[in-house]
Amino acid sequence: MEVELTLISTAETNMKTLIKSLMVLLLLGFCHVSMADLAKKKTYIVHMAKSEMPSSFKHHSHWYDSSLKSVSNSAEILYTYDNVIHGYSTRLTP
């Protein structure tokens, strides 16, 4: 009886170790993919002529977002410029 309990305990320990190892490998795989995507992207500053903003947009940030979404559904605006120039920065693949 004691031998059976030891074998079950060892099997459970081995299973837990295997699951932890697989989780670490999966996490490392996700990190590698996301780092590869970051390495491919470049930062761009997009200049917008605010005086030419269509009247259908109530705020320039909506116009900026619409222009970015027209070229990429996954890109996000990093920063908007409103003082010396008008526009925004984003990261895109070349």
N, C-alpha and C. Protein backbone atom coordinates (compact mmCIF):
# COMPACT_ATOMS: atom_id res chain seq x y z
N MET A 1 0.82 -1.18 0.00
CA MET A 1 0.00 0.00 0.00
C MET A 1 0.86 1.25 0.00
N GLU A 2 1.91 1.22 0.79
CA GLU A 2 2.81 2.38 0.87
C GLU A 2 3.54 2.60 -0.44
N VAL A 3 3.90 1.52 -1.13
CA VAL A 3 4.57 1.61 -2.42
C VAL A 3 3.65 2.25 -3.45
N GLU A 4 2.35 1.89 -3.44
CA GLU A 4 1.39 2.47 -4.37
C GLU A 4 1.25 3.97 -4.15
N LEU A 5 1.16 4.41 -2.90
CA LEU A 5 1.04 5.82 -2.59
C LEU A 5 2.27 6.59 -3.05
N THR A 6 3.44 6.00 -2.89
CA THR A 6 4.68 6.65 -3.33
C THR A 6 4.68 6.80 -4.85
N LEU A 7 4.24 5.77 -5.56
CA LEU A 7 4.20 5.84 -7.02
C LEU A 7 3.20 6.89 -7.50
N ILE A 8 2.04 6.98 -6.87
CA ILE A 8 1.05 7.98 -7.25
C ILE A 8 1.57 9.38 -6.95
N SER A 9 2.19 9.55 -5.80
CA SER A 9 2.75 10.84 -5.43
C SER A 9 3.83 11.26 -6.42
N THR A 10 4.68 10.34 -6.82
CA THR A 10 5.75 10.64 -7.79
C THR A 10 5.14 10.99 -9.15
N ALA A 11 4.12 10.27 -9.55
CA ALA A 11 3.47 10.55 -10.84
C ALA A 11 2.82 11.94 -10.83
N GLU A 12 2.17 12.31 -9.73
CA GLU A 12 1.56 13.64 -9.61
C GLU A 12 2.63 14.72 -9.67
N THR A 13 3.74 14.50 -8.98
CA THR A 13 4.83 15.48 -8.99
C THR A 13 5.39 15.64 -10.39
N ASN A 14 5.58 14.52 -11.09
CA ASN A 14 6.10 14.58 -12.46
C ASN A 14 5.13 15.31 -13.38
N MET A 15 3.83 15.09 -13.20
CA MET A 15 2.82 15.75 -14.03
C MET A 15 2.83 17.26 -13.77
N LYS A 16 2.92 17.66 -12.51
CA LYS A 16 2.96 19.08 -12.17
C LYS A 16 4.20 19.74 -12.76
N THR A 17 5.32 19.06 -12.69
CA THR A 17 6.56 19.59 -13.26
C THR A 17 6.44 19.73 -14.78
N LEU A 18 5.84 18.76 -15.42
CA LEU A 18 5.64 18.81 -16.87
C LEU A 18 4.73 19.97 -17.26
N ILE A 19 3.65 20.16 -16.53
CA ILE A 19 2.72 21.26 -16.82
C ILE A 19 3.41 22.61 -16.64
N LYS A 20 4.18 22.75 -15.57
CA LYS A 20 4.90 24.01 -15.34
C LYS A 20 5.90 24.27 -16.47
N SER A 21 6.60 23.24 -16.90
CA SER A 21 7.57 23.40 -17.99
C SER A 21 6.89 23.81 -19.29
N LEU A 22 5.76 23.19 -19.58
CA LEU A 22 5.02 23.55 -20.79
C LEU A 22 4.51 24.98 -20.74
N MET A 23 4.07 25.42 -19.57
CA MET A 23 3.60 26.80 -19.42
C MET A 23 4.73 27.79 -19.64
N VAL A 24 5.91 27.49 -19.13
CA VAL A 24 7.06 28.37 -19.33
C VAL A 24 7.44 28.43 -20.80
N LEU A 25 7.44 27.29 -21.47
CA LEU A 25 7.75 27.28 -22.91
C LEU A 25 6.73 28.06 -23.71
N LEU A 26 5.47 27.93 -23.36
CA LEU A 26 4.41 28.67 -24.04
C LEU A 26 4.60 30.17 -23.84
N LEU A 27 4.89 30.59 -22.62
CA LEU A 27 5.12 32.00 -22.33
C LEU A 27 6.32 32.54 -23.11
N LEU A 28 7.40 31.78 -23.15
CA LEU A 28 8.58 32.20 -23.91
C LEU A 28 8.26 32.33 -25.40
N GLY A 29 7.42 31.45 -25.90
CA GLY A 29 7.01 31.52 -27.31
C GLY A 29 6.25 32.80 -27.60
N PHE A 30 5.33 33.17 -26.70
CA PHE A 30 4.58 34.42 -26.89
C PHE A 30 5.49 35.63 -26.82
N CYS A 31 6.45 35.61 -25.91
CA CYS A 31 7.39 36.73 -25.79
C CYS A 31 8.21 36.86 -27.06
N HIS A 32 8.64 35.75 -27.60
CA HIS A 32 9.45 35.77 -28.82
C HIS A 32 8.66 36.35 -29.98
N VAL A 33 7.41 35.95 -30.13
CA VAL A 33 6.57 36.45 -31.23
C VAL A 33 6.34 37.94 -31.08
N SER A 34 6.01 38.40 -29.88
CA SER A 34 5.73 39.82 -29.70
C SER A 34 6.99 40.66 -29.88
N MET A 35 8.13 40.17 -29.46
CA MET A 35 9.38 40.90 -29.65
C MET A 35 9.75 40.95 -31.13
N ALA A 36 9.46 39.89 -31.87
CA ALA A 36 9.73 39.89 -33.31
C ALA A 36 8.87 40.92 -34.01
N ASP A 37 7.60 41.04 -33.60
CA ASP A 37 6.71 42.03 -34.19
C ASP A 37 7.20 43.44 -33.89
N LEU A 38 7.66 43.68 -32.67
CA LEU A 38 8.17 45.00 -32.31
C LEU A 38 9.41 45.36 -33.13
N ALA A 39 10.24 44.38 -33.39
CA ALA A 39 11.47 44.64 -34.13
C ALA A 39 11.17 45.05 -35.58
N LYS A 40 10.06 44.58 -36.12
CA LYS A 40 9.70 44.88 -37.51
C LYS A 40 9.06 46.26 -37.66
N LYS A 41 8.48 46.78 -36.60
CA LYS A 41 7.74 48.04 -36.69
C LYS A 41 8.66 49.25 -36.54
N LYS A 42 8.28 50.32 -37.20
CA LYS A 42 9.00 51.59 -37.11
C LYS A 42 8.03 52.68 -36.67
N THR A 43 8.56 53.68 -36.00
CA THR A 43 7.72 54.79 -35.55
C THR A 43 7.63 55.84 -36.65
N TYR A 44 6.41 56.31 -36.89
CA TYR A 44 6.16 57.33 -37.90
C TYR A 44 5.43 58.50 -37.27
N ILE A 45 5.73 59.70 -37.74
CA ILE A 45 4.98 60.90 -37.37
C ILE A 45 4.16 61.30 -38.59
N VAL A 46 2.86 61.35 -38.41
CA VAL A 46 1.94 61.67 -39.51
C VAL A 46 1.47 63.10 -39.33
N HIS A 47 1.80 63.96 -40.30
CA HIS A 47 1.38 65.37 -40.26
C HIS A 47 0.00 65.49 -40.88
N MET A 48 -0.88 66.20 -40.19
CA MET A 48 -2.25 66.40 -40.66
C MET A 48 -2.51 67.90 -40.77
N ALA A 49 -3.17 68.34 -41.84
CA ALA A 49 -3.55 69.74 -42.01
C ALA A 49 -4.89 69.94 -41.29
N LYS A 50 -4.82 70.41 -40.06
CA LYS A 50 -6.03 70.53 -39.24
C LYS A 50 -7.09 71.40 -39.90
N SER A 51 -6.67 72.39 -40.67
CA SER A 51 -7.64 73.26 -41.35
C SER A 51 -8.44 72.52 -42.42
N GLU A 52 -7.97 71.34 -42.84
CA GLU A 52 -8.66 70.54 -43.86
C GLU A 52 -9.46 69.38 -43.27
N MET A 53 -9.66 69.39 -41.96
CA MET A 53 -10.41 68.33 -41.31
C MET A 53 -11.86 68.36 -41.82
N PRO A 54 -12.39 67.23 -42.29
CA PRO A 54 -13.78 67.19 -42.75
C PRO A 54 -14.75 67.55 -41.62
N SER A 55 -15.84 68.18 -41.97
CA SER A 55 -16.82 68.61 -40.97
C SER A 55 -17.52 67.44 -40.29
N SER A 56 -17.42 66.25 -40.85
CA SER A 56 -18.06 65.08 -40.25
C SER A 56 -17.38 64.65 -38.95
N PHE A 57 -16.16 65.16 -38.72
CA PHE A 57 -15.43 64.84 -37.49
C PHE A 57 -15.60 66.00 -36.51
N LYS A 58 -16.05 65.67 -35.30
CA LYS A 58 -16.26 66.70 -34.27
C LYS A 58 -14.96 67.11 -33.59
N HIS A 59 -13.99 66.21 -33.56
CA HIS A 59 -12.72 66.49 -32.88
C HIS A 59 -11.57 65.93 -33.72
N HIS A 60 -10.45 66.62 -33.71
CA HIS A 60 -9.33 66.19 -34.55
C HIS A 60 -8.83 64.80 -34.20
N SER A 61 -8.95 64.39 -32.93
CA SER A 61 -8.48 63.05 -32.54
C SER A 61 -9.28 61.96 -33.24
N HIS A 62 -10.57 62.21 -33.50
CA HIS A 62 -11.38 61.24 -34.24
C HIS A 62 -10.92 61.14 -35.69
N TRP A 63 -10.55 62.28 -36.25
CA TRP A 63 -10.04 62.31 -37.62
C TRP A 63 -8.72 61.55 -37.72
N TYR A 64 -7.83 61.79 -36.74
CA TYR A 64 -6.54 61.10 -36.72
C TYR A 64 -6.75 59.59 -36.64
N ASP A 65 -7.64 59.17 -35.73
CA ASP A 65 -7.89 57.75 -35.55
C ASP A 65 -8.47 57.13 -36.83
N SER A 66 -9.36 57.83 -37.48
CA SER A 66 -9.95 57.34 -38.72
C SER A 66 -8.90 57.19 -39.81
N SER A 67 -8.00 58.16 -39.91
CA SER A 67 -6.96 58.08 -40.94
C SER A 67 -6.02 56.91 -40.68
N LEU A 68 -5.71 56.65 -39.40
CA LEU A 68 -4.84 55.53 -39.07
C LEU A 68 -5.54 54.21 -39.34
N LYS A 69 -6.80 54.10 -38.97
CA LYS A 69 -7.53 52.85 -39.19
C LYS A 69 -7.72 52.55 -40.68
N SER A 70 -7.60 53.57 -41.53
CA SER A 70 -7.73 53.33 -42.97
C SER A 70 -6.53 52.57 -43.53
N VAL A 71 -5.41 52.56 -42.80
CA VAL A 71 -4.23 51.83 -43.27
C VAL A 71 -3.89 50.63 -42.39
N SER A 72 -4.39 50.61 -41.14
CA SER A 72 -4.09 49.49 -40.24
C SER A 72 -5.15 49.39 -39.14
N ASN A 73 -5.74 48.21 -39.02
CA ASN A 73 -6.73 48.01 -37.97
C ASN A 73 -6.09 47.77 -36.61
N SER A 74 -4.83 47.36 -36.59
CA SER A 74 -4.18 47.01 -35.33
C SER A 74 -3.30 48.13 -34.76
N ALA A 75 -2.95 49.12 -35.56
CA ALA A 75 -2.07 50.19 -35.09
C ALA A 75 -2.79 51.12 -34.12
N GLU A 76 -2.02 51.70 -33.22
CA GLU A 76 -2.58 52.63 -32.25
C GLU A 76 -1.81 53.94 -32.29
N ILE A 77 -2.50 55.01 -31.95
CA ILE A 77 -1.86 56.33 -31.86
C ILE A 77 -1.03 56.36 -30.58
N LEU A 78 0.24 56.71 -30.73
CA LEU A 78 1.12 56.79 -29.56
C LEU A 78 1.03 58.16 -28.89
N TYR A 79 0.96 59.21 -29.73
CA TYR A 79 0.97 60.58 -29.21
C TYR A 79 0.34 61.49 -30.25
N THR A 80 -0.39 62.50 -29.81
CA THR A 80 -0.92 63.49 -30.75
C THR A 80 -0.18 64.81 -30.56
N TYR A 81 0.05 65.49 -31.66
CA TYR A 81 0.75 66.78 -31.67
C TYR A 81 -0.26 67.87 -31.97
N ASP A 82 -0.28 68.92 -31.13
CA ASP A 82 -1.28 69.98 -31.30
C ASP A 82 -0.71 71.39 -31.20
N ASN A 83 0.58 71.54 -30.96
CA ASN A 83 1.13 72.89 -30.77
C ASN A 83 1.82 73.40 -32.02
N VAL A 84 3.02 72.97 -32.27
CA VAL A 84 3.78 73.46 -33.43
C VAL A 84 3.29 72.81 -34.72
N ILE A 85 3.01 71.52 -34.64
CA ILE A 85 2.46 70.79 -35.80
C ILE A 85 1.18 70.12 -35.36
N HIS A 86 0.42 69.64 -36.33
CA HIS A 86 -0.79 68.87 -36.02
C HIS A 86 -0.62 67.49 -36.64
N GLY A 87 -0.87 66.48 -35.84
CA GLY A 87 -0.74 65.11 -36.33
C GLY A 87 -0.59 64.14 -35.17
N TYR A 88 -0.01 63.00 -35.47
CA TYR A 88 0.14 61.96 -34.46
C TYR A 88 1.31 61.06 -34.81
N SER A 89 1.74 60.30 -33.80
CA SER A 89 2.80 59.30 -34.04
C SER A 89 2.19 57.91 -33.84
N THR A 90 2.74 56.95 -34.56
CA THR A 90 2.28 55.56 -34.50
C THR A 90 3.41 54.64 -34.89
N ARG A 91 3.25 53.35 -34.59
CA ARG A 91 4.24 52.35 -35.00
C ARG A 91 3.58 51.46 -36.05
N LEU A 92 4.24 51.36 -37.22
CA LEU A 92 3.72 50.57 -38.32
C LEU A 92 4.83 49.73 -38.92
N THR A 93 4.46 48.65 -39.58
CA THR A 93 5.44 47.90 -40.34
C THR A 93 5.72 48.65 -41.63
N PRO A 94 6.99 48.70 -42.05
CA PRO A 94 7.32 49.45 -43.27
C PRO A 94 6.72 48.83 -44.52
